[in-house]
Every structure is written in structure tokens, then in C-alpha cells.
């Protein structure tokens, strides 16, 4: 007689970003939100930075560009987690 043992593992993934963020006006949301960098948005959406750029270029994500040329992504963008 053989004995069979099954082991089930459940995991969760949490991402904590401790970089300082600034509240900015999102014209698409018409609200002040804590905007994310491209890299933070990519981590949040589980995609590459290039995918985030493509979504911004397609108009699928809310974004703004700072005076310094930094692209910021609104976390309330409906297509951020696709």
C-alpha cells in the first residue's frame, strides 16, 4: 500500500514602495493623486516599463509630464492593471 501526501502552498505578493511621492493634479481624474513613476507603475501592474510607455502613448493611462521631463502615472488609471 502506497501513501500519498499532498502539500498545497498559497502565496501572496505585496509590493511596498517607500519612495517619496508628491500629490499632483491628474487632469483625467480631475483630482489630486499621488502619482507613480514609470518603474513603480510597472511593478504595480506586473508588466515591463516599456509596456507602461506603450499604454501612455496609446492614451490608455492617465499621465503627466513634469517640468523636469519626468513622466508620472496616475494610480487611478483604469488600464493600469490589465
N, C-alpha and C. Protein backbone atom coordinates (compact mmCIF):
# COMPACT_ATOMS: atom_id res chain seq x y z
N UNK A 1 0.84 -1.17 0.00
CA UNK A 1 0.00 0.00 0.00
C UNK A 1 0.89 1.25 0.00
N UNK A 2 0.65 2.18 -0.93
CA UNK A 2 1.41 3.42 -1.01
C UNK A 2 0.63 4.54 -0.34
N UNK A 3 1.38 5.41 0.30
CA UNK A 3 0.78 6.58 0.93
C UNK A 3 1.12 7.80 0.08
N UNK A 4 0.12 8.60 -0.15
CA UNK A 4 0.32 9.81 -0.96
C UNK A 4 0.10 11.04 -0.08
N UNK A 5 1.07 11.92 -0.09
CA UNK A 5 0.98 13.15 0.68
C UNK A 5 0.92 14.33 -0.29
N UNK A 6 -0.08 15.17 -0.13
CA UNK A 6 -0.21 16.37 -0.96
C UNK A 6 0.06 17.59 -0.10
N UNK A 7 0.86 18.47 -0.63
CA UNK A 7 1.16 19.72 0.06
C UNK A 7 0.71 20.86 -0.83
N UNK A 8 -0.09 21.75 -0.27
CA UNK A 8 -0.58 22.90 -1.01
C UNK A 8 0.02 24.16 -0.39
N UNK A 9 0.62 24.98 -1.23
CA UNK A 9 1.20 26.25 -0.79
C UNK A 9 0.41 27.40 -1.38
N UNK A 10 0.09 28.35 -0.54
CA UNK A 10 -0.57 29.56 -1.00
C UNK A 10 0.37 30.73 -0.74
N UNK A 11 0.54 31.56 -1.74
CA UNK A 11 1.42 32.71 -1.57
C UNK A 11 0.68 33.98 -1.97
N UNK A 12 1.10 35.05 -1.38
CA UNK A 12 0.60 36.37 -1.74
C UNK A 12 1.79 37.25 -2.03
N UNK A 13 1.60 38.20 -2.91
CA UNK A 13 2.69 39.11 -3.24
C UNK A 13 2.26 40.52 -2.88
N UNK A 14 3.05 41.15 -2.05
CA UNK A 14 2.81 42.53 -1.65
C UNK A 14 4.00 43.36 -2.10
N UNK A 15 3.71 44.51 -2.63
CA UNK A 15 4.78 45.40 -3.04
C UNK A 15 4.65 46.68 -2.22
N UNK A 16 5.71 47.00 -1.52
CA UNK A 16 5.74 48.23 -0.73
C UNK A 16 6.75 49.17 -1.37
N UNK A 17 6.28 50.33 -1.74
CA UNK A 17 7.14 51.33 -2.35
C UNK A 17 7.35 52.43 -1.33
N UNK A 18 8.59 52.64 -0.94
CA UNK A 18 8.86 53.62 0.11
C UNK A 18 9.47 54.91 -0.43
N UNK A 19 9.40 55.10 -1.72
CA UNK A 19 9.92 56.34 -2.29
C UNK A 19 8.94 57.47 -2.02
N UNK A 20 9.46 58.65 -1.78
CA UNK A 20 8.54 59.77 -1.57
C UNK A 20 7.79 60.11 -2.86
N UNK A 21 6.52 60.34 -2.71
CA UNK A 21 5.69 60.73 -3.85
C UNK A 21 5.07 62.08 -3.57
N UNK A 22 4.80 62.78 -4.65
CA UNK A 22 4.17 64.08 -4.50
C UNK A 22 2.75 64.00 -5.05
N UNK A 23 1.87 64.68 -4.37
CA UNK A 23 0.50 64.75 -4.85
C UNK A 23 0.47 65.74 -6.01
N UNK A 24 -0.09 65.28 -7.11
CA UNK A 24 -0.17 66.11 -8.32
C UNK A 24 -1.60 66.10 -8.83
N UNK A 25 -1.92 67.08 -9.65
CA UNK A 25 -3.22 67.16 -10.29
C UNK A 25 -3.25 66.23 -11.50
N UNK A 26 -4.23 65.33 -11.54
CA UNK A 26 -4.43 64.47 -12.70
C UNK A 26 -5.58 65.06 -13.51
N UNK A 27 -5.31 65.58 -14.70
CA UNK A 27 -6.37 66.18 -15.50
C UNK A 27 -7.43 65.17 -15.93
N UNK A 28 -7.06 63.92 -16.08
CA UNK A 28 -8.03 62.91 -16.49
C UNK A 28 -9.00 62.57 -15.37
N UNK A 29 -8.49 62.48 -14.13
CA UNK A 29 -9.34 62.20 -12.97
C UNK A 29 -10.00 63.47 -12.43
N UNK A 30 -9.43 64.61 -12.75
CA UNK A 30 -9.84 65.89 -12.19
C UNK A 30 -9.75 65.83 -10.67
N UNK A 31 -8.59 65.32 -10.19
CA UNK A 31 -8.39 65.16 -8.77
C UNK A 31 -6.90 65.18 -8.46
N UNK A 32 -6.57 65.47 -7.21
CA UNK A 32 -5.18 65.37 -6.76
C UNK A 32 -4.92 63.93 -6.32
N UNK A 33 -3.85 63.33 -6.86
CA UNK A 33 -3.50 61.95 -6.52
C UNK A 33 -1.99 61.85 -6.33
N UNK A 34 -1.54 60.79 -5.68
CA UNK A 34 -0.11 60.52 -5.54
C UNK A 34 0.35 59.77 -6.78
N UNK A 35 0.97 60.48 -7.69
CA UNK A 35 1.41 59.90 -8.95
C UNK A 35 2.58 58.93 -8.73
N UNK A 36 2.70 57.95 -9.64
CA UNK A 36 3.76 56.95 -9.56
C UNK A 36 4.75 57.15 -10.70
N UNK A 37 5.98 56.73 -10.45
CA UNK A 37 6.98 56.74 -11.52
C UNK A 37 6.68 55.60 -12.48
N UNK A 38 7.35 55.59 -13.61
CA UNK A 38 7.19 54.52 -14.59
C UNK A 38 7.54 53.17 -13.97
N UNK A 39 8.65 53.11 -13.25
CA UNK A 39 9.08 51.85 -12.65
C UNK A 39 8.10 51.36 -11.58
N UNK A 40 7.58 52.28 -10.77
CA UNK A 40 6.61 51.89 -9.76
C UNK A 40 5.32 51.38 -10.41
N UNK A 41 4.89 52.05 -11.48
CA UNK A 41 3.69 51.61 -12.18
C UNK A 41 3.89 50.24 -12.81
N UNK A 42 5.08 49.98 -13.34
CA UNK A 42 5.37 48.67 -13.93
C UNK A 42 5.34 47.58 -12.87
N UNK A 43 5.92 47.85 -11.70
CA UNK A 43 5.87 46.88 -10.60
C UNK A 43 4.43 46.63 -10.17
N UNK A 44 3.67 47.69 -10.04
CA UNK A 44 2.28 47.59 -9.60
C UNK A 44 1.44 46.77 -10.58
N UNK A 45 1.66 46.96 -11.88
CA UNK A 45 0.87 46.30 -12.91
C UNK A 45 1.44 44.94 -13.34
N UNK A 46 2.62 44.58 -12.80
CA UNK A 46 3.29 43.32 -13.17
C UNK A 46 3.60 43.26 -14.65
N UNK A 47 4.09 44.37 -15.19
CA UNK A 47 4.48 44.45 -16.60
C UNK A 47 5.83 45.16 -16.69
N UNK A 48 6.36 45.28 -17.89
CA UNK A 48 7.63 45.98 -18.07
C UNK A 48 7.40 47.50 -18.17
N UNK A 49 8.47 48.23 -17.99
CA UNK A 49 8.38 49.69 -18.14
C UNK A 49 7.96 50.06 -19.56
N UNK A 50 8.44 49.31 -20.53
CA UNK A 50 8.09 49.58 -21.93
C UNK A 50 6.59 49.43 -22.16
N UNK A 51 5.96 48.45 -21.49
CA UNK A 51 4.52 48.27 -21.60
C UNK A 51 3.79 49.50 -21.05
N UNK A 52 4.30 50.06 -19.95
CA UNK A 52 3.70 51.27 -19.40
C UNK A 52 3.83 52.41 -20.41
N UNK A 53 5.01 52.57 -21.01
CA UNK A 53 5.20 53.61 -22.03
C UNK A 53 4.21 53.42 -23.19
N UNK A 54 4.05 52.19 -23.64
CA UNK A 54 3.11 51.93 -24.75
C UNK A 54 1.68 52.32 -24.37
N UNK A 55 1.29 51.99 -23.14
CA UNK A 55 -0.07 52.33 -22.70
C UNK A 55 -0.26 53.84 -22.60
N UNK A 56 0.80 54.55 -22.17
CA UNK A 56 0.72 56.01 -22.11
C UNK A 56 0.59 56.57 -23.51
N UNK A 57 1.42 56.08 -24.44
CA UNK A 57 1.38 56.56 -25.83
C UNK A 57 0.02 56.28 -26.48
N UNK A 58 -0.62 55.19 -26.09
CA UNK A 58 -1.93 54.84 -26.64
C UNK A 58 -3.06 55.61 -25.96
N UNK A 59 -2.73 56.36 -24.91
CA UNK A 59 -3.75 57.12 -24.19
C UNK A 59 -4.55 56.26 -23.22
N UNK A 60 -4.05 55.07 -22.90
CA UNK A 60 -4.77 54.15 -22.02
C UNK A 60 -4.52 54.42 -20.54
N UNK A 61 -3.49 55.20 -20.22
CA UNK A 61 -3.19 55.52 -18.83
C UNK A 61 -3.22 57.02 -18.63
N UNK A 62 -3.64 57.42 -17.44
CA UNK A 62 -3.57 58.83 -17.06
C UNK A 62 -2.11 59.14 -16.75
N UNK A 63 -1.58 60.20 -17.31
CA UNK A 63 -0.19 60.55 -17.05
C UNK A 63 0.02 62.04 -17.18
N UNK A 64 1.09 62.51 -16.55
CA UNK A 64 1.52 63.90 -16.70
C UNK A 64 3.03 63.90 -16.84
N UNK A 65 3.56 64.94 -17.41
CA UNK A 65 5.00 65.11 -17.51
C UNK A 65 5.39 66.34 -16.71
N UNK A 66 6.38 66.19 -15.84
CA UNK A 66 6.81 67.30 -15.00
C UNK A 66 7.66 68.27 -15.83
N UNK A 67 7.95 69.42 -15.24
CA UNK A 67 8.80 70.42 -15.90
C UNK A 67 10.20 69.86 -16.16
N UNK A 68 10.62 68.90 -15.33
CA UNK A 68 11.93 68.28 -15.50
C UNK A 68 11.92 67.16 -16.54
N UNK A 69 10.75 66.86 -17.09
CA UNK A 69 10.64 65.82 -18.10
C UNK A 69 10.33 64.43 -17.55
N UNK A 70 10.01 64.33 -16.27
CA UNK A 70 9.68 63.05 -15.65
C UNK A 70 8.23 62.69 -15.93
N UNK A 71 8.00 61.50 -16.43
CA UNK A 71 6.65 61.03 -16.71
C UNK A 71 6.09 60.37 -15.47
N UNK A 72 4.92 60.81 -15.02
CA UNK A 72 4.27 60.25 -13.84
C UNK A 72 2.94 59.63 -14.24
N UNK A 73 2.60 58.52 -13.59
CA UNK A 73 1.40 57.76 -13.90
C UNK A 73 0.41 57.86 -12.75
N UNK A 74 -0.85 58.06 -13.08
CA UNK A 74 -1.91 58.12 -12.08
C UNK A 74 -2.30 56.70 -11.68
N UNK A 75 -2.30 56.40 -10.38
CA UNK A 75 -2.67 55.05 -9.93
C UNK A 75 -4.14 54.73 -10.15
N UNK A 76 -4.96 55.74 -10.45
CA UNK A 76 -6.39 55.51 -10.70
C UNK A 76 -6.67 55.21 -12.16
N UNK A 77 -5.64 55.06 -12.99
CA UNK A 77 -5.84 54.75 -14.40
C UNK A 77 -6.55 53.42 -14.54
N UNK A 78 -7.64 53.38 -15.31
CA UNK A 78 -8.40 52.14 -15.43
C UNK A 78 -7.63 51.00 -16.08
N UNK A 79 -6.67 51.29 -16.94
CA UNK A 79 -5.94 50.25 -17.65
C UNK A 79 -4.58 49.94 -17.04
N UNK A 80 -4.36 50.34 -15.81
CA UNK A 80 -3.05 50.13 -15.20
C UNK A 80 -2.83 48.65 -14.87
N UNK A 81 -3.86 47.92 -14.55
CA UNK A 81 -3.69 46.53 -14.12
C UNK A 81 -4.11 45.51 -15.17
N UNK A 82 -4.19 45.91 -16.43
CA UNK A 82 -4.56 44.94 -17.47
C UNK A 82 -3.41 44.02 -17.78
